N, C-alpha and C. Protein backbone atom coordinates (compact mmCIF):
# COMPACT_ATOMS: atom_id res chain seq x y z
N UNK A 1 24.14 91.96 57.90
CA UNK A 1 25.06 92.25 57.18
C UNK A 1 26.24 91.80 57.35
N UNK A 2 27.29 90.87 57.32
CA UNK A 2 28.64 90.66 56.92
C UNK A 2 29.12 91.52 56.44
N UNK A 3 30.44 91.63 56.88
CA UNK A 3 31.18 92.59 56.77
C UNK A 3 32.05 92.19 55.61
N UNK A 4 32.46 92.89 54.60
CA UNK A 4 33.20 92.60 54.12
C UNK A 4 34.73 92.94 53.29
N UNK A 5 35.22 91.87 53.21
CA UNK A 5 36.85 92.37 53.48
C UNK A 5 38.00 92.65 52.09
N UNK A 6 38.00 93.22 52.44
CA UNK A 6 38.95 93.81 50.74
C UNK A 6 40.61 93.75 51.15
N UNK A 7 41.42 93.66 50.25
CA UNK A 7 43.26 93.36 50.44
C UNK A 7 43.29 94.87 50.20
N UNK A 8 43.98 96.32 50.48
CA UNK A 8 44.31 96.81 50.46
C UNK A 8 44.82 97.08 49.22
N UNK A 9 44.33 98.49 48.24
CA UNK A 9 44.20 98.23 46.96
C UNK A 9 45.61 98.75 46.24
N UNK A 10 46.41 99.29 47.97
CA UNK A 10 47.92 99.43 47.27
C UNK A 10 48.65 97.81 47.45
N UNK A 11 48.45 97.27 47.65
CA UNK A 11 48.59 95.49 47.94
C UNK A 11 48.71 94.79 46.97
N UNK A 12 47.50 95.29 45.69
CA UNK A 12 47.25 94.44 44.47
C UNK A 12 47.83 95.07 43.56
N UNK A 13 48.34 93.68 42.64
CA UNK A 13 48.54 94.40 41.34
C UNK A 13 47.85 95.56 40.38
N UNK A 14 47.89 95.92 39.10
CA UNK A 14 47.45 96.82 38.39
C UNK A 14 46.61 95.86 38.21
N UNK A 15 47.06 95.15 37.62
CA UNK A 15 46.15 94.09 36.67
C UNK A 15 44.83 93.17 37.43
N UNK A 16 45.47 92.97 39.28
CA UNK A 16 44.20 92.58 39.64
C UNK A 16 43.28 93.55 40.11
N UNK A 17 43.54 95.45 40.60
CA UNK A 17 42.67 95.98 40.30
C UNK A 17 41.96 96.01 39.29
N UNK A 18 42.41 96.15 38.34
CA UNK A 18 41.41 96.23 37.27
C UNK A 18 40.29 94.80 37.20
N UNK A 19 40.89 94.29 37.27
CA UNK A 19 39.86 93.07 37.43
C UNK A 19 39.33 92.72 38.62
N UNK A 20 39.33 93.57 39.87
CA UNK A 20 38.21 93.83 41.20
C UNK A 20 37.13 94.33 40.06
N UNK A 21 37.68 95.56 39.80
CA UNK A 21 36.69 97.04 39.28
C UNK A 21 36.10 96.26 37.96
N UNK A 22 36.44 95.73 37.49
CA UNK A 22 35.79 94.87 36.28
C UNK A 22 34.19 93.96 36.98
N UNK A 23 35.00 93.21 38.01
CA UNK A 23 33.78 92.38 38.95
C UNK A 23 32.66 93.11 39.45
N UNK A 24 33.32 94.21 40.05
CA UNK A 24 32.00 95.47 40.32
C UNK A 24 31.46 95.80 39.79
N UNK A 25 31.96 96.40 38.61
CA UNK A 25 31.28 96.73 37.98
C UNK A 25 29.97 95.83 37.10
N UNK A 26 30.00 94.48 36.76
CA UNK A 26 28.93 93.50 36.24
C UNK A 26 28.28 93.55 37.75
N UNK A 27 28.41 93.17 38.57
CA UNK A 27 27.99 93.16 39.79
C UNK A 27 26.65 94.17 39.86
N UNK A 28 27.26 95.56 39.62
CA UNK A 28 26.74 96.39 40.00
C UNK A 28 24.99 97.19 38.85
N UNK A 29 25.30 96.16 37.65
CA UNK A 29 25.25 96.40 36.49
C UNK A 29 23.74 95.25 36.35
N UNK A 30 23.85 93.93 37.68
CA UNK A 30 23.17 92.97 37.57
C UNK A 30 22.15 93.18 37.57
N UNK A 31 21.03 92.30 37.55
CA UNK A 31 19.57 92.40 38.23
C UNK A 31 19.56 92.37 39.86
N UNK A 32 20.10 91.86 39.75
CA UNK A 32 20.14 91.01 41.18
C UNK A 32 20.70 92.05 42.46
N UNK A 33 21.58 93.25 42.45
CA UNK A 33 22.94 93.30 42.97
C UNK A 33 21.71 93.61 44.45
N UNK A 34 22.83 93.14 45.01
CA UNK A 34 22.24 93.83 46.54
C UNK A 34 22.36 95.49 46.71
N UNK A 35 21.46 95.73 46.98
CA UNK A 35 20.86 97.53 47.55
C UNK A 35 22.25 97.94 48.61
N UNK A 36 22.16 96.51 49.91
CA UNK A 36 22.72 96.93 50.81
C UNK A 36 24.08 97.13 50.97
N UNK A 37 24.86 96.15 49.75
CA UNK A 37 26.24 96.26 49.27
C UNK A 37 26.51 96.98 48.56
N UNK A 38 25.65 97.65 47.76
CA UNK A 38 26.31 99.09 46.83
C UNK A 38 26.77 99.84 47.18
N UNK A 39 26.91 100.72 48.34
CA UNK A 39 27.50 101.80 48.64
C UNK A 39 29.02 100.98 49.09
N UNK A 40 28.97 100.03 49.86
CA UNK A 40 30.40 99.06 49.97
C UNK A 40 31.25 99.19 48.69
N UNK A 41 30.14 98.66 47.72
CA UNK A 41 30.94 98.45 46.36
C UNK A 41 31.50 99.75 45.74
N UNK A 42 30.95 100.96 45.93
CA UNK A 42 30.97 102.15 45.11
C UNK A 42 31.97 102.53 45.70
N UNK A 43 32.23 102.65 47.04
CA UNK A 43 33.10 102.90 47.59
C UNK A 43 34.91 101.93 47.71
N UNK A 44 34.62 100.93 46.53
CA UNK A 44 35.80 100.25 47.38
C UNK A 44 36.26 100.74 45.34
N UNK A 45 34.97 100.66 44.67
CA UNK A 45 35.51 100.99 43.08
C UNK A 45 36.11 102.44 43.75
N UNK A 46 35.92 103.43 44.08
CA UNK A 46 36.77 105.10 44.16
C UNK A 46 37.65 104.27 44.54
N UNK A 47 38.24 103.14 45.38
CA UNK A 47 39.29 103.24 46.13
C UNK A 47 40.28 102.79 44.83
N UNK A 48 39.45 101.98 44.35
CA UNK A 48 40.91 100.95 43.26
C UNK A 48 41.13 102.14 42.39
N UNK A 49 40.22 103.06 41.81
CA UNK A 49 40.15 103.91 41.17
C UNK A 49 41.28 104.63 41.29
N UNK A 50 40.94 105.18 42.29
CA UNK A 50 42.29 106.30 42.78
C UNK A 50 43.54 105.57 42.68
N UNK A 51 43.75 104.39 43.30
CA UNK A 51 45.12 103.64 43.23
C UNK A 51 45.77 103.12 41.64
N UNK A 52 44.80 103.39 40.84
CA UNK A 52 45.15 102.91 39.26
C UNK A 52 45.36 103.91 38.94
N UNK A 53 44.79 104.83 38.39
CA UNK A 53 45.09 106.63 38.34
C UNK A 53 46.29 107.18 38.92
N UNK A 54 46.47 107.06 40.42
CA UNK A 54 48.11 107.34 40.97
C UNK A 54 49.52 106.81 40.08
N UNK A 55 49.22 104.99 40.14
CA UNK A 55 50.37 104.48 39.15
C UNK A 55 50.50 104.96 37.56
N UNK A 56 48.94 105.17 37.03
CA UNK A 56 49.17 105.47 35.86
C UNK A 56 49.74 106.87 35.79
N UNK A 57 49.74 108.32 36.09
CA UNK A 57 50.54 108.64 36.56
C UNK A 57 51.57 108.81 36.99
N UNK A 58 52.15 107.92 37.98
CA UNK A 58 53.51 108.31 38.00
C UNK A 58 54.23 106.55 37.09
N UNK A 59 53.66 106.06 35.96
CA UNK A 59 54.47 105.10 35.45
C UNK A 59 54.56 106.31 33.77
N UNK A 60 53.27 107.59 33.93
CA UNK A 60 53.68 108.11 32.74
C UNK A 60 55.26 108.99 33.06
N UNK A 61 55.23 109.08 34.03
CA UNK A 61 56.12 110.54 34.76
C UNK A 61 57.20 109.44 34.71
N UNK A 62 57.57 108.20 34.82
CA UNK A 62 58.60 107.66 34.82
C UNK A 62 59.35 107.42 33.34
N UNK A 63 57.85 107.42 32.17
CA UNK A 63 58.59 107.30 30.84
C UNK A 63 58.86 108.94 30.67
N UNK A 64 57.99 109.59 30.42
CA UNK A 64 59.12 110.33 30.43
C UNK A 64 59.27 110.77 30.77
N UNK A 65 60.11 111.29 31.61
CA UNK A 65 61.66 110.93 32.27
C UNK A 65 63.10 109.91 31.75
N UNK A 66 62.12 108.70 31.31
CA UNK A 66 63.28 107.91 30.44
C UNK A 66 63.71 108.83 29.22
N UNK A 67 62.14 108.75 28.83
CA UNK A 67 63.03 109.25 27.12
C UNK A 67 62.83 110.73 26.96
N UNK A 68 63.04 111.37 28.18
CA UNK A 68 63.93 112.45 28.24
C UNK A 68 65.53 112.55 28.19
N UNK A 69 65.92 111.50 29.02
CA UNK A 69 67.26 110.92 29.37
C UNK A 69 67.84 110.86 27.94
N UNK A 70 67.23 109.78 27.05
CA UNK A 70 67.27 109.30 25.76
C UNK A 70 67.90 110.31 24.95
N UNK A 71 66.97 111.53 25.03
CA UNK A 71 66.78 112.69 24.10
C UNK A 71 68.70 113.99 24.33
N UNK A 72 68.92 113.79 25.64
CA UNK A 72 70.18 114.15 26.18
C UNK A 72 71.60 113.33 25.63
């Protein structure tokens, strides 16, 4: 089986990461999912989810800080 090459998750834009997650989900839900690739896709999806979550938390913290500055 040939190895799948992915761009590092931290080099993707948020939109690219979400799009890749959507594609992985569609692939995993299809009737012709390649069982040999399932663990690879699951690992990649987990990596993408962690990266997106990290960015959302960072953005939330930044927005809270900005809004708090407006209250002062």
